[in-house]
N, C-alpha and C. Protein backbone atom coordinates (compact mmCIF):
# COMPACT_ATOMS: atom_id res chain seq x y z
N MET A 1 3.23 88.92 147.66
CA MET A 1 2.73 90.33 147.40
C MET A 1 2.38 90.94 148.79
N LYS A 2 2.76 92.19 148.94
CA LYS A 2 2.38 92.86 150.15
C LYS A 2 1.27 93.79 149.96
N SER A 3 0.46 93.96 150.93
CA SER A 3 -0.78 94.77 150.84
C SER A 3 -0.92 95.67 152.03
N ALA A 4 -1.80 96.69 151.96
CA ALA A 4 -2.04 97.66 153.00
C ALA A 4 -3.58 97.99 153.03
N VAL A 5 -4.06 98.21 154.18
CA VAL A 5 -5.45 98.58 154.34
C VAL A 5 -5.43 99.99 154.99
N VAL A 6 -6.18 100.87 154.40
CA VAL A 6 -6.38 102.22 154.91
C VAL A 6 -7.42 102.29 156.04
N LEU A 7 -7.12 102.86 157.15
CA LEU A 7 -8.06 102.99 158.32
C LEU A 7 -8.45 104.39 158.42
N LEU A 8 -9.75 104.59 158.65
CA LEU A 8 -10.36 105.91 158.75
C LEU A 8 -11.41 105.87 159.79
N PRO A 9 -11.68 106.91 160.58
CA PRO A 9 -12.83 106.89 161.52
C PRO A 9 -14.12 106.56 160.81
N GLY A 10 -14.85 105.62 161.37
CA GLY A 10 -16.22 105.37 160.87
C GLY A 10 -16.19 104.07 159.89
N LEU A 11 -14.97 103.68 159.41
CA LEU A 11 -15.04 102.42 158.57
C LEU A 11 -15.25 101.25 159.50
N ASN A 12 -16.12 100.23 159.07
CA ASN A 12 -16.33 99.18 159.84
C ASN A 12 -16.19 97.85 159.16
N ARG A 13 -15.57 97.82 158.05
CA ARG A 13 -15.33 96.59 157.29
C ARG A 13 -13.78 96.34 157.20
N ASP A 14 -13.05 97.14 158.03
CA ASP A 14 -11.55 96.99 157.97
C ASP A 14 -11.08 95.63 158.52
N ARG A 15 -11.76 95.13 159.58
CA ARG A 15 -11.35 93.74 160.06
C ARG A 15 -11.71 92.71 159.05
N ASP A 16 -12.84 92.79 158.39
CA ASP A 16 -13.11 91.88 157.40
C ASP A 16 -12.15 91.90 156.31
N MET A 17 -11.76 92.99 155.81
CA MET A 17 -10.80 93.10 154.77
C MET A 17 -9.38 92.60 155.17
N ILE A 18 -9.02 92.88 156.33
CA ILE A 18 -7.75 92.37 156.84
C ILE A 18 -7.77 90.93 156.94
N ALA A 19 -8.83 90.39 157.42
CA ALA A 19 -8.95 88.88 157.54
C ALA A 19 -8.84 88.29 156.11
N ALA A 20 -9.56 88.86 155.25
CA ALA A 20 -9.59 88.27 153.79
C ALA A 20 -8.21 88.26 153.25
N LEU A 21 -7.61 89.39 153.24
CA LEU A 21 -6.21 89.41 152.74
C LEU A 21 -5.23 88.54 153.36
N THR A 22 -5.39 88.38 154.76
CA THR A 22 -4.43 87.55 155.49
C THR A 22 -4.74 86.06 155.09
N LYS A 23 -5.91 85.65 154.97
CA LYS A 23 -6.31 84.24 154.61
C LYS A 23 -5.81 83.96 153.21
N ILE A 24 -6.01 84.93 152.31
CA ILE A 24 -5.74 84.65 150.88
C ILE A 24 -4.18 84.65 150.54
N SER A 25 -3.56 85.69 151.15
CA SER A 25 -2.13 85.88 150.87
C SER A 25 -1.20 85.22 151.81
N GLY A 26 -1.72 84.90 152.98
CA GLY A 26 -0.80 84.26 154.01
C GLY A 26 0.01 85.27 154.76
N LYS A 27 -0.27 86.52 154.51
CA LYS A 27 0.49 87.63 155.14
C LYS A 27 -0.56 88.64 155.63
N ALA A 28 -0.42 89.12 156.87
CA ALA A 28 -1.32 90.27 157.34
C ALA A 28 -0.87 91.56 156.71
N PRO A 29 -1.85 92.30 156.10
CA PRO A 29 -1.51 93.58 155.50
C PRO A 29 -1.02 94.56 156.50
N VAL A 30 -0.25 95.52 156.18
CA VAL A 30 0.02 96.66 156.95
C VAL A 30 -1.19 97.59 157.05
N THR A 31 -1.33 98.36 158.06
CA THR A 31 -2.45 99.34 158.17
C THR A 31 -1.86 100.74 158.18
N VAL A 32 -2.57 101.59 157.50
CA VAL A 32 -2.14 103.06 157.49
C VAL A 32 -3.31 103.84 157.98
N TRP A 33 -2.97 104.91 158.77
CA TRP A 33 -4.02 105.70 159.48
C TRP A 33 -4.33 107.00 158.64
N GLN A 34 -5.39 107.74 158.90
CA GLN A 34 -5.84 108.81 158.21
C GLN A 34 -4.74 109.95 158.11
N THR A 35 -3.97 110.11 159.12
CA THR A 35 -2.92 111.12 159.09
C THR A 35 -1.60 110.73 158.45
N ASP A 36 -1.46 109.49 158.12
CA ASP A 36 -0.17 108.96 157.48
C ASP A 36 0.04 109.75 156.14
N THR A 37 1.21 110.19 155.94
CA THR A 37 1.58 110.83 154.75
C THR A 37 2.35 109.98 153.79
N ASP A 38 2.74 108.77 154.22
CA ASP A 38 3.49 107.88 153.45
C ASP A 38 2.99 106.52 153.63
N ILE A 39 2.99 105.72 152.58
CA ILE A 39 2.51 104.34 152.62
C ILE A 39 3.76 103.38 152.28
N PRO A 40 4.02 102.36 153.02
CA PRO A 40 5.13 101.58 152.76
C PRO A 40 5.13 100.93 151.36
N ASP A 41 6.15 100.42 150.86
CA ASP A 41 6.16 99.81 149.60
C ASP A 41 5.30 98.54 149.58
N VAL A 42 4.20 98.53 148.94
CA VAL A 42 3.25 97.38 148.88
C VAL A 42 2.76 97.30 147.36
N ASP A 43 2.16 96.18 147.17
CA ASP A 43 1.66 95.87 145.72
C ASP A 43 0.26 96.24 145.62
N LEU A 44 -0.52 96.32 146.82
CA LEU A 44 -1.97 96.57 146.76
C LEU A 44 -2.44 97.28 148.01
N ILE A 45 -3.13 98.35 147.69
CA ILE A 45 -3.73 99.12 148.76
C ILE A 45 -5.20 99.00 148.76
N VAL A 46 -5.90 98.85 149.85
CA VAL A 46 -7.34 98.54 149.95
C VAL A 46 -7.94 99.69 150.90
N ILE A 47 -9.00 100.33 150.37
CA ILE A 47 -9.86 101.05 151.23
C ILE A 47 -11.21 100.31 151.52
N PRO A 48 -11.41 99.91 152.75
CA PRO A 48 -12.61 99.03 153.00
C PRO A 48 -13.89 100.01 153.13
N GLY A 49 -14.98 99.23 153.36
CA GLY A 49 -16.27 99.92 153.51
C GLY A 49 -16.63 100.38 154.82
N GLY A 50 -17.73 100.98 155.04
CA GLY A 50 -18.22 101.57 156.29
C GLY A 50 -18.88 102.91 156.13
N PHE A 51 -18.67 103.73 157.03
CA PHE A 51 -19.25 105.15 157.03
C PHE A 51 -18.26 106.09 157.52
N SER A 52 -17.26 106.33 156.75
CA SER A 52 -16.06 107.23 157.10
C SER A 52 -16.69 108.58 157.54
N TYR A 53 -16.33 109.07 158.65
CA TYR A 53 -16.72 110.34 159.28
C TYR A 53 -18.28 110.55 159.31
N GLY A 54 -18.93 109.42 159.46
CA GLY A 54 -20.40 109.37 159.58
C GLY A 54 -21.07 109.68 158.26
N ASP A 55 -20.34 109.62 157.20
CA ASP A 55 -20.97 109.98 155.87
C ASP A 55 -21.47 111.36 155.81
N TYR A 56 -20.91 112.34 156.64
CA TYR A 56 -21.40 113.63 156.60
C TYR A 56 -20.98 114.46 155.35
N LEU A 57 -21.59 115.46 154.93
CA LEU A 57 -21.42 116.16 153.66
C LEU A 57 -21.90 115.30 152.56
N ARG A 58 -20.99 114.45 152.09
CA ARG A 58 -21.33 113.38 151.10
C ARG A 58 -20.50 112.17 151.46
N CYS A 59 -20.98 111.04 151.11
CA CYS A 59 -20.24 109.79 151.51
C CYS A 59 -18.80 109.79 150.93
N GLY A 60 -17.83 109.77 151.81
CA GLY A 60 -16.41 109.78 151.38
C GLY A 60 -15.85 111.10 151.16
N ALA A 61 -16.61 112.28 151.28
CA ALA A 61 -16.08 113.55 150.91
C ALA A 61 -15.00 114.05 151.89
N ILE A 62 -15.19 113.70 153.17
CA ILE A 62 -14.22 114.14 154.17
C ILE A 62 -13.04 113.23 154.14
N ALA A 63 -13.22 111.98 154.01
CA ALA A 63 -12.08 111.02 154.01
C ALA A 63 -11.22 111.37 152.86
N ALA A 64 -11.80 111.75 151.68
CA ALA A 64 -11.02 111.99 150.48
C ALA A 64 -10.02 113.20 150.65
N ARG A 65 -10.21 113.98 151.66
CA ARG A 65 -9.33 115.11 151.93
C ARG A 65 -8.31 114.92 153.04
N MET A 66 -8.17 113.62 153.55
CA MET A 66 -7.26 113.28 154.61
C MET A 66 -5.91 113.02 153.87
N PRO A 67 -4.77 113.32 154.72
CA PRO A 67 -3.49 113.14 154.14
C PRO A 67 -3.12 111.79 153.60
N VAL A 68 -3.81 110.83 154.16
CA VAL A 68 -3.49 109.36 153.61
C VAL A 68 -4.01 109.25 152.21
N LEU A 69 -4.96 109.95 151.84
CA LEU A 69 -5.58 109.76 150.42
C LEU A 69 -4.63 110.47 149.48
N LYS A 70 -3.91 111.42 149.88
CA LYS A 70 -2.96 112.00 148.96
C LYS A 70 -1.78 111.00 148.73
N ALA A 71 -1.42 110.28 149.80
CA ALA A 71 -0.50 109.25 149.66
C ALA A 71 -0.96 108.13 148.81
N VAL A 72 -2.22 107.74 148.91
CA VAL A 72 -2.81 106.69 148.08
C VAL A 72 -2.74 107.17 146.58
N ALA A 73 -3.06 108.45 146.33
CA ALA A 73 -3.02 108.93 144.93
C ALA A 73 -1.67 108.91 144.37
N GLU A 74 -0.74 109.25 145.20
CA GLU A 74 0.77 109.14 144.72
C GLU A 74 1.16 107.74 144.35
N LYS A 75 0.79 106.80 145.23
CA LYS A 75 1.02 105.43 144.92
C LYS A 75 0.33 104.91 143.69
N ALA A 76 -0.89 105.32 143.46
CA ALA A 76 -1.70 104.96 142.24
C ALA A 76 -0.98 105.51 141.02
N ALA A 77 -0.56 106.78 141.12
CA ALA A 77 0.11 107.44 140.01
C ALA A 77 1.36 106.60 139.46
N LYS A 78 1.98 105.89 140.49
CA LYS A 78 3.15 105.10 140.13
C LYS A 78 2.85 103.66 139.79
N GLY A 79 1.56 103.36 139.64
CA GLY A 79 1.03 102.08 139.12
C GLY A 79 0.67 101.07 140.15
N VAL A 80 0.75 101.42 141.54
CA VAL A 80 0.34 100.48 142.54
C VAL A 80 -1.15 100.16 142.39
N GLN A 81 -1.59 98.94 142.65
CA GLN A 81 -2.99 98.60 142.50
C GLN A 81 -3.74 99.14 143.80
N VAL A 82 -4.93 99.72 143.53
CA VAL A 82 -5.78 100.24 144.59
C VAL A 82 -7.14 99.68 144.44
N ILE A 83 -7.74 99.21 145.51
CA ILE A 83 -9.14 98.70 145.53
C ILE A 83 -9.92 99.56 146.57
N GLY A 84 -11.09 100.04 146.16
CA GLY A 84 -11.99 100.71 147.13
C GLY A 84 -13.31 99.96 147.08
N VAL A 85 -13.73 99.46 148.17
CA VAL A 85 -14.97 98.70 148.31
C VAL A 85 -16.04 99.49 149.07
N CYS A 86 -17.28 99.67 148.48
CA CYS A 86 -18.31 100.34 149.14
C CYS A 86 -17.97 101.83 149.49
N ASN A 87 -17.86 102.09 150.80
CA ASN A 87 -17.29 103.43 151.12
C ASN A 87 -16.03 103.73 150.54
N GLY A 88 -15.25 102.76 150.34
CA GLY A 88 -13.89 102.89 149.70
C GLY A 88 -14.08 103.45 148.22
N PHE A 89 -15.11 102.91 147.58
CA PHE A 89 -15.42 103.35 146.17
C PHE A 89 -15.79 104.76 146.20
N GLN A 90 -16.68 105.12 147.16
CA GLN A 90 -17.17 106.54 147.32
C GLN A 90 -15.90 107.43 147.47
N ILE A 91 -14.97 106.97 148.36
CA ILE A 91 -13.89 107.85 148.70
C ILE A 91 -13.02 108.06 147.46
N LEU A 92 -12.81 106.99 146.71
CA LEU A 92 -11.95 107.08 145.45
C LEU A 92 -12.60 108.05 144.46
N VAL A 93 -13.94 108.07 144.28
CA VAL A 93 -14.58 108.97 143.54
C VAL A 93 -14.47 110.30 144.02
N GLU A 94 -14.69 110.52 145.22
CA GLU A 94 -14.60 111.97 145.87
C GLU A 94 -13.07 112.41 145.72
N ALA A 95 -12.13 111.53 145.79
CA ALA A 95 -10.68 111.92 145.71
C ALA A 95 -10.27 112.20 144.20
N GLY A 96 -11.14 111.90 143.27
CA GLY A 96 -10.77 112.09 141.90
C GLY A 96 -10.03 111.05 141.24
N LEU A 97 -9.91 109.87 141.93
CA LEU A 97 -9.19 108.77 141.39
C LEU A 97 -10.04 107.90 140.44
N LEU A 98 -11.32 108.09 140.57
CA LEU A 98 -12.25 107.37 139.64
C LEU A 98 -13.34 108.46 139.25
N PRO A 99 -13.84 108.28 138.04
CA PRO A 99 -14.98 109.27 137.58
C PRO A 99 -16.29 108.96 138.18
N GLY A 100 -17.19 109.98 138.00
CA GLY A 100 -18.64 109.62 138.33
C GLY A 100 -19.01 110.11 139.71
N ALA A 101 -20.07 109.66 140.15
CA ALA A 101 -20.63 109.96 141.48
C ALA A 101 -21.46 108.77 141.97
N LEU A 102 -21.62 108.65 143.35
CA LEU A 102 -22.34 107.64 143.92
C LEU A 102 -23.41 108.38 144.82
N MET A 103 -24.69 108.15 144.32
CA MET A 103 -25.78 108.88 144.95
C MET A 103 -26.72 107.98 145.74
N ARG A 104 -27.64 108.58 146.40
CA ARG A 104 -28.62 107.82 147.15
C ARG A 104 -29.26 106.66 146.41
N ASN A 105 -29.52 105.55 146.97
CA ASN A 105 -30.21 104.47 146.25
C ASN A 105 -31.58 105.00 145.86
N THR A 106 -32.12 104.50 144.67
CA THR A 106 -33.30 104.96 144.22
C THR A 106 -34.49 104.61 145.14
N SER A 107 -34.33 103.52 145.94
CA SER A 107 -35.26 103.23 146.94
C SER A 107 -35.35 104.12 148.19
N LEU A 108 -34.29 104.92 148.26
CA LEU A 108 -34.08 105.72 149.40
C LEU A 108 -33.97 104.90 150.78
N LYS A 109 -33.60 103.67 150.57
CA LYS A 109 -33.43 102.86 151.69
C LYS A 109 -32.02 102.17 151.71
N PHE A 110 -31.57 101.85 152.83
CA PHE A 110 -30.33 101.01 153.01
C PHE A 110 -30.61 99.54 152.49
N VAL A 111 -29.75 99.12 151.73
CA VAL A 111 -29.88 97.79 151.09
C VAL A 111 -28.74 96.88 151.57
N CYS A 112 -29.21 95.74 152.17
CA CYS A 112 -28.29 94.67 152.56
C CYS A 112 -28.71 93.35 152.18
N ARG A 113 -28.13 92.73 151.11
CA ARG A 113 -28.53 91.47 150.55
C ARG A 113 -27.48 91.00 149.64
N GLU A 114 -27.71 89.94 149.14
CA GLU A 114 -26.86 89.28 148.13
C GLU A 114 -27.34 89.65 146.64
N VAL A 115 -26.41 89.93 145.72
CA VAL A 115 -26.70 90.24 144.38
C VAL A 115 -25.84 89.37 143.43
N LYS A 116 -26.26 89.44 142.22
CA LYS A 116 -25.31 88.73 141.19
C LYS A 116 -24.62 89.75 140.35
N LEU A 117 -23.38 89.47 140.04
CA LEU A 117 -22.56 90.38 139.26
C LEU A 117 -22.11 89.67 137.98
N GLN A 118 -22.09 90.43 136.90
CA GLN A 118 -21.59 89.87 135.63
C GLN A 118 -20.10 90.49 135.53
N VAL A 119 -19.08 89.70 135.23
CA VAL A 119 -17.76 90.12 134.99
C VAL A 119 -17.72 90.59 133.59
N THR A 120 -17.76 91.92 133.34
CA THR A 120 -17.87 92.48 131.96
C THR A 120 -16.49 92.76 131.38
N ASN A 121 -15.39 92.73 132.15
CA ASN A 121 -14.14 92.78 131.62
C ASN A 121 -13.21 91.85 132.46
N ALA A 122 -12.81 90.71 131.95
CA ALA A 122 -11.97 89.75 132.62
C ALA A 122 -10.48 89.98 132.34
N ASN A 123 -10.15 91.07 131.63
CA ASN A 123 -8.80 91.34 131.33
C ASN A 123 -8.19 92.44 132.10
N THR A 124 -8.48 92.56 133.38
CA THR A 124 -7.92 93.48 134.25
C THR A 124 -7.10 92.75 135.33
N ALA A 125 -6.30 93.53 136.02
CA ALA A 125 -5.49 92.91 137.16
C ALA A 125 -6.33 92.36 138.26
N PHE A 126 -7.59 92.90 138.34
CA PHE A 126 -8.48 92.38 139.42
C PHE A 126 -9.52 91.35 139.02
N THR A 127 -9.62 91.09 137.76
CA THR A 127 -10.65 90.15 137.27
C THR A 127 -10.09 89.10 136.43
N ARG A 128 -8.77 88.92 136.24
CA ARG A 128 -8.25 87.90 135.43
C ARG A 128 -8.51 86.48 135.90
N GLY A 129 -8.85 86.39 137.22
CA GLY A 129 -9.15 85.05 137.74
C GLY A 129 -10.54 84.57 137.42
N TYR A 130 -11.26 85.48 136.79
CA TYR A 130 -12.69 85.04 136.29
C TYR A 130 -12.75 84.91 134.77
N THR A 131 -13.87 84.51 134.23
CA THR A 131 -13.94 84.31 132.81
C THR A 131 -14.86 85.46 132.33
N GLN A 132 -14.70 85.87 131.10
CA GLN A 132 -15.56 86.94 130.59
C GLN A 132 -17.03 86.64 130.66
N ASN A 133 -17.80 87.54 131.17
CA ASN A 133 -19.23 87.38 131.39
C ASN A 133 -19.66 86.40 132.43
N GLN A 134 -18.76 85.96 133.16
CA GLN A 134 -19.07 85.02 134.33
C GLN A 134 -20.07 85.68 135.34
N ILE A 135 -21.01 84.93 135.81
CA ILE A 135 -21.98 85.46 136.83
C ILE A 135 -21.40 85.01 138.15
N ILE A 136 -21.29 85.95 139.05
CA ILE A 136 -20.94 85.50 140.46
C ILE A 136 -21.83 86.11 141.47
N ARG A 137 -21.83 85.60 142.70
CA ARG A 137 -22.57 86.12 143.77
C ARG A 137 -21.71 87.09 144.61
N CYS A 138 -22.32 88.02 145.20
CA CYS A 138 -21.67 88.95 146.07
C CYS A 138 -22.66 89.76 146.98
N PRO A 139 -22.29 89.94 148.26
CA PRO A 139 -23.26 90.70 149.10
C PRO A 139 -22.97 92.25 148.95
N VAL A 140 -24.07 93.04 149.13
CA VAL A 140 -23.98 94.41 149.16
C VAL A 140 -24.54 95.01 150.48
N ALA A 141 -24.14 96.10 150.95
CA ALA A 141 -24.57 96.78 152.16
C ALA A 141 -24.39 98.28 152.03
N HIS A 142 -25.33 99.04 151.52
CA HIS A 142 -25.05 100.41 151.34
C HIS A 142 -26.34 101.19 151.15
N HIS A 143 -26.18 102.49 151.29
CA HIS A 143 -27.44 103.45 151.24
C HIS A 143 -27.14 104.29 150.09
N ASP A 144 -25.95 104.49 149.68
CA ASP A 144 -25.53 105.46 148.52
C ASP A 144 -24.80 104.81 147.54
N GLY A 145 -25.39 103.81 146.81
CA GLY A 145 -24.54 103.06 145.85
C GLY A 145 -24.92 103.29 144.41
N ASN A 146 -25.74 104.29 144.12
CA ASN A 146 -26.43 104.52 142.87
C ASN A 146 -25.35 105.22 141.91
N TYR A 147 -24.66 104.53 141.11
CA TYR A 147 -23.58 105.14 140.25
C TYR A 147 -24.24 105.99 139.18
N PHE A 148 -23.62 107.17 139.05
CA PHE A 148 -23.95 108.10 138.03
C PHE A 148 -22.75 108.75 137.36
N ALA A 149 -22.89 109.00 136.09
CA ALA A 149 -21.83 109.67 135.39
C ALA A 149 -22.56 110.38 134.18
N ASP A 150 -21.98 111.51 133.69
CA ASP A 150 -22.50 112.17 132.61
C ASP A 150 -22.41 111.34 131.31
N THR A 151 -23.12 111.70 130.22
CA THR A 151 -23.16 110.96 129.10
C THR A 151 -21.81 110.63 128.45
N ASP A 152 -20.98 111.63 128.40
CA ASP A 152 -19.55 111.46 127.84
C ASP A 152 -18.71 110.49 128.69
N THR A 153 -18.83 110.72 129.98
CA THR A 153 -18.00 109.86 130.78
C THR A 153 -18.53 108.41 130.76
N LEU A 154 -19.75 108.22 130.67
CA LEU A 154 -20.34 106.92 130.63
C LEU A 154 -20.02 106.22 129.29
N SER A 155 -20.02 106.99 128.29
CA SER A 155 -19.68 106.40 126.95
C SER A 155 -18.20 105.97 126.96
N ARG A 156 -17.33 106.85 127.64
CA ARG A 156 -15.95 106.51 127.57
C ARG A 156 -15.73 105.24 128.50
N LEU A 157 -16.38 105.16 129.60
CA LEU A 157 -16.23 103.98 130.53
C LEU A 157 -16.59 102.71 129.78
N GLU A 158 -17.68 102.79 129.10
CA GLU A 158 -18.16 101.56 128.34
C GLU A 158 -17.38 101.21 127.20
N GLY A 159 -16.94 102.28 126.47
CA GLY A 159 -16.11 102.05 125.22
C GLY A 159 -14.82 101.60 125.55
N GLU A 160 -14.16 101.94 126.67
CA GLU A 160 -12.78 101.60 126.96
C GLU A 160 -12.62 100.38 127.83
N GLY A 161 -13.80 99.81 128.13
CA GLY A 161 -13.74 98.57 129.00
C GLY A 161 -13.45 98.89 130.44
N GLN A 162 -13.79 100.05 130.94
CA GLN A 162 -13.54 100.34 132.34
C GLN A 162 -14.67 99.89 133.24
N VAL A 163 -15.79 99.49 132.70
CA VAL A 163 -16.88 98.82 133.53
C VAL A 163 -16.51 97.31 133.65
N VAL A 164 -16.19 96.88 134.88
CA VAL A 164 -15.71 95.49 135.05
C VAL A 164 -16.79 94.73 135.85
N PHE A 165 -17.63 95.26 136.53
CA PHE A 165 -18.74 94.48 137.18
C PHE A 165 -20.05 95.20 136.86
N ARG A 166 -21.01 94.40 136.59
CA ARG A 166 -22.35 94.91 136.46
C ARG A 166 -23.39 94.09 137.11
N TYR A 167 -24.35 94.70 137.74
CA TYR A 167 -25.34 93.88 138.38
C TYR A 167 -26.18 93.09 137.45
N ALA A 168 -26.33 91.90 137.73
CA ALA A 168 -26.94 90.95 136.70
C ALA A 168 -28.22 90.32 137.14
N GLU A 169 -29.03 89.87 136.17
CA GLU A 169 -30.24 89.12 136.44
C GLU A 169 -31.25 89.88 137.33
N GLY A 170 -31.34 91.18 137.01
CA GLY A 170 -32.40 91.98 137.62
C GLY A 170 -32.07 92.27 139.20
N THR A 171 -30.78 92.16 139.52
CA THR A 171 -30.46 92.29 141.01
C THR A 171 -29.95 93.71 141.35
N ASN A 172 -29.98 94.63 140.46
CA ASN A 172 -29.47 95.91 140.75
C ASN A 172 -30.17 96.49 141.96
N PRO A 173 -29.39 96.77 143.09
CA PRO A 173 -29.99 97.12 144.31
C PRO A 173 -30.19 98.63 144.46
N ASN A 174 -29.75 99.46 143.60
CA ASN A 174 -29.55 100.93 143.91
C ASN A 174 -30.00 101.79 142.79
N GLY A 175 -30.19 101.24 141.55
CA GLY A 175 -30.55 102.19 140.41
C GLY A 175 -29.44 102.67 139.59
N SER A 176 -28.21 102.03 139.74
CA SER A 176 -27.06 102.56 139.11
C SER A 176 -27.20 102.53 137.68
N LEU A 177 -26.76 103.59 136.88
CA LEU A 177 -26.80 103.62 135.45
C LEU A 177 -26.07 102.35 134.85
N ASN A 178 -26.78 101.85 133.83
CA ASN A 178 -26.25 100.67 133.10
C ASN A 178 -25.87 99.51 133.99
N ASP A 179 -26.56 99.52 135.14
CA ASP A 179 -26.31 98.31 136.15
C ASP A 179 -24.87 98.31 136.67
N ILE A 180 -24.16 99.43 136.61
CA ILE A 180 -22.71 99.46 136.98
C ILE A 180 -22.48 99.22 138.46
N ALA A 181 -21.69 98.15 138.74
CA ALA A 181 -21.36 97.79 140.04
C ALA A 181 -19.82 98.01 140.40
N GLY A 182 -19.01 98.17 139.37
CA GLY A 182 -17.65 98.29 139.64
C GLY A 182 -16.91 98.81 138.41
N ILE A 183 -15.95 99.73 138.55
CA ILE A 183 -15.21 100.34 137.45
C ILE A 183 -13.81 100.40 137.79
N VAL A 184 -12.91 100.55 136.75
CA VAL A 184 -11.52 100.69 136.93
C VAL A 184 -11.09 102.06 136.24
N SER A 185 -9.97 102.50 136.77
CA SER A 185 -9.35 103.69 136.18
C SER A 185 -8.89 103.62 134.78
N LYS A 186 -8.71 104.65 134.13
CA LYS A 186 -8.16 104.59 132.72
C LYS A 186 -6.92 103.74 132.68
N ASP A 187 -5.98 103.85 133.55
CA ASP A 187 -4.82 102.99 133.58
C ASP A 187 -4.98 101.53 134.06
N GLY A 188 -6.19 101.38 134.59
CA GLY A 188 -6.55 99.96 134.98
C GLY A 188 -6.04 99.44 136.32
N ASN A 189 -5.38 100.31 137.11
CA ASN A 189 -4.81 99.91 138.42
C ASN A 189 -5.61 100.36 139.68
N VAL A 190 -6.75 101.03 139.38
CA VAL A 190 -7.57 101.53 140.49
C VAL A 190 -8.95 100.95 140.24
N LEU A 191 -9.46 100.09 141.22
CA LEU A 191 -10.80 99.48 141.05
C LEU A 191 -11.73 100.01 142.25
N GLY A 192 -12.85 100.45 141.86
CA GLY A 192 -13.98 100.79 142.78
C GLY A 192 -15.14 99.92 142.60
N MET A 193 -15.65 99.45 143.67
CA MET A 193 -16.88 98.51 143.51
C MET A 193 -17.75 98.72 144.79
N MET A 194 -19.06 98.61 144.66
CA MET A 194 -19.96 98.68 145.80
C MET A 194 -20.14 97.44 146.49
N PRO A 195 -20.19 96.29 145.83
CA PRO A 195 -20.38 94.89 146.51
C PRO A 195 -19.14 94.60 147.42
N HIS A 196 -19.33 93.70 148.27
CA HIS A 196 -18.24 93.36 149.23
C HIS A 196 -17.67 91.89 148.92
N PRO A 197 -16.68 91.82 148.03
CA PRO A 197 -16.16 90.53 147.75
C PRO A 197 -15.40 89.92 148.92
N GLU A 198 -14.97 90.64 149.89
CA GLU A 198 -14.24 90.14 151.10
C GLU A 198 -15.15 89.40 151.97
N ASN A 199 -16.43 89.48 151.81
CA ASN A 199 -17.36 88.78 152.57
C ASN A 199 -17.90 87.41 151.95
N LEU A 200 -17.25 87.05 150.93
CA LEU A 200 -17.60 85.79 150.20
C LEU A 200 -16.34 85.17 149.62
N ILE A 201 -15.43 84.71 150.59
CA ILE A 201 -14.13 84.16 150.12
C ILE A 201 -13.96 82.68 150.66
N GLU A 202 -14.80 82.16 151.51
CA GLU A 202 -14.62 80.88 151.98
C GLU A 202 -15.91 80.19 152.29
N ALA A 203 -15.75 78.87 152.55
CA ALA A 203 -16.99 78.11 152.81
C ALA A 203 -17.87 78.72 154.05
N ALA A 204 -17.13 79.15 155.04
CA ALA A 204 -17.87 79.74 156.18
C ALA A 204 -18.68 80.89 155.86
N HIS A 205 -18.41 81.48 154.71
CA HIS A 205 -19.22 82.71 154.17
C HIS A 205 -20.39 82.15 153.34
N GLY A 206 -20.36 80.86 153.05
CA GLY A 206 -21.50 80.40 152.10
C GLY A 206 -21.05 80.41 150.74
N GLY A 207 -19.83 80.67 150.52
CA GLY A 207 -19.26 80.64 149.04
C GLY A 207 -18.03 81.40 148.93
N SER A 208 -17.34 81.24 147.77
CA SER A 208 -15.97 81.82 147.68
C SER A 208 -15.93 82.67 146.31
N ASP A 209 -17.06 83.16 145.79
CA ASP A 209 -17.03 83.90 144.55
C ASP A 209 -16.17 85.14 144.49
N GLY A 210 -15.97 85.73 145.73
CA GLY A 210 -15.11 86.91 145.77
C GLY A 210 -13.68 86.75 145.92
N ARG A 211 -13.27 85.46 146.13
CA ARG A 211 -11.87 85.15 146.43
C ARG A 211 -10.98 85.47 145.19
N ALA A 212 -11.45 85.08 143.94
CA ALA A 212 -10.68 85.26 142.75
C ALA A 212 -10.22 86.81 142.57
N LEU A 213 -11.05 87.69 143.02
CA LEU A 213 -10.70 89.13 142.87
C LEU A 213 -9.41 89.41 143.61
N PHE A 214 -9.22 88.96 144.79
CA PHE A 214 -8.14 89.27 145.65
C PHE A 214 -6.91 88.42 145.08
N GLU A 215 -7.21 87.23 144.73
CA GLU A 215 -6.06 86.32 144.23
C GLU A 215 -5.55 86.95 142.96
N SER A 216 -6.41 87.51 142.07
CA SER A 216 -5.98 88.18 140.87
C SER A 216 -5.15 89.44 141.20
N ALA A 217 -5.65 90.26 142.14
CA ALA A 217 -4.88 91.51 142.54
C ALA A 217 -3.64 91.25 143.13
N LEU A 218 -3.45 90.03 143.87
CA LEU A 218 -2.27 89.71 144.62
C LEU A 218 -1.29 88.85 143.77
N GLY A 219 -1.71 88.62 142.50
CA GLY A 219 -0.88 87.89 141.58
C GLY A 219 -0.93 86.48 141.86
N LEU A 220 -1.82 85.89 142.67
CA LEU A 220 -1.91 84.53 142.94
C LEU A 220 -2.81 83.64 142.03
N LYS A 221 -3.42 84.35 141.08
CA LYS A 221 -4.37 83.58 140.21
C LYS A 221 -4.18 84.23 138.77
N THR A 222 -4.03 83.43 137.82
CA THR A 222 -3.80 83.96 136.38
C THR A 222 -5.17 83.74 135.76
N ALA A 223 -5.21 84.09 134.41
CA ALA A 223 -6.45 84.01 133.74
C ALA A 223 -7.19 82.71 133.87
N ALA A 224 -8.49 82.76 134.06
CA ALA A 224 -9.29 81.57 134.25
C ALA A 224 -9.42 80.83 132.92
């Protein structure tokens, strides 16, 4: 499986993501820059975390209007799998590839710690390596991770199984509605999540709970 990582000014988790994908797949991902209008044929596109364009205007708002995001949207429309982590999630929302909004944490403070996640839908391309309702560990590092959606959108997400990760055991770090930590698109091929699974894939990280997400997306792991 081939993968690609989107690079944008201000992102600071690109090296972490490239290292994780390389370790797990055995192949270094290709990288695409903000002005690229075409993405090579790959099976997975990842937008990593950070602070694209300094998080000016709104987090992800400027990045979502770069040429490369149009290319990402075109690939997603053709069924290519896309993952946006942290700022990547914010960018996918701003680009209209995922519904809702990510607002300032209710604490009004930057949060950097480990949380627990419940896998609320283990039947997606990104979560099939987990079991339904499995509790996993995952680190977070964000200032604007408070997920919000209007009542109709929230009901649709919940009813159609688009909520795939939920903060568990009272570890919600940002005030997200319904403890939402990650959602997928209606077609199921675009995932956005605030926690950083790339930072928990091997013993050197203190655990490997995030590894199954990438193994699932890369077709290296089947249903648990």
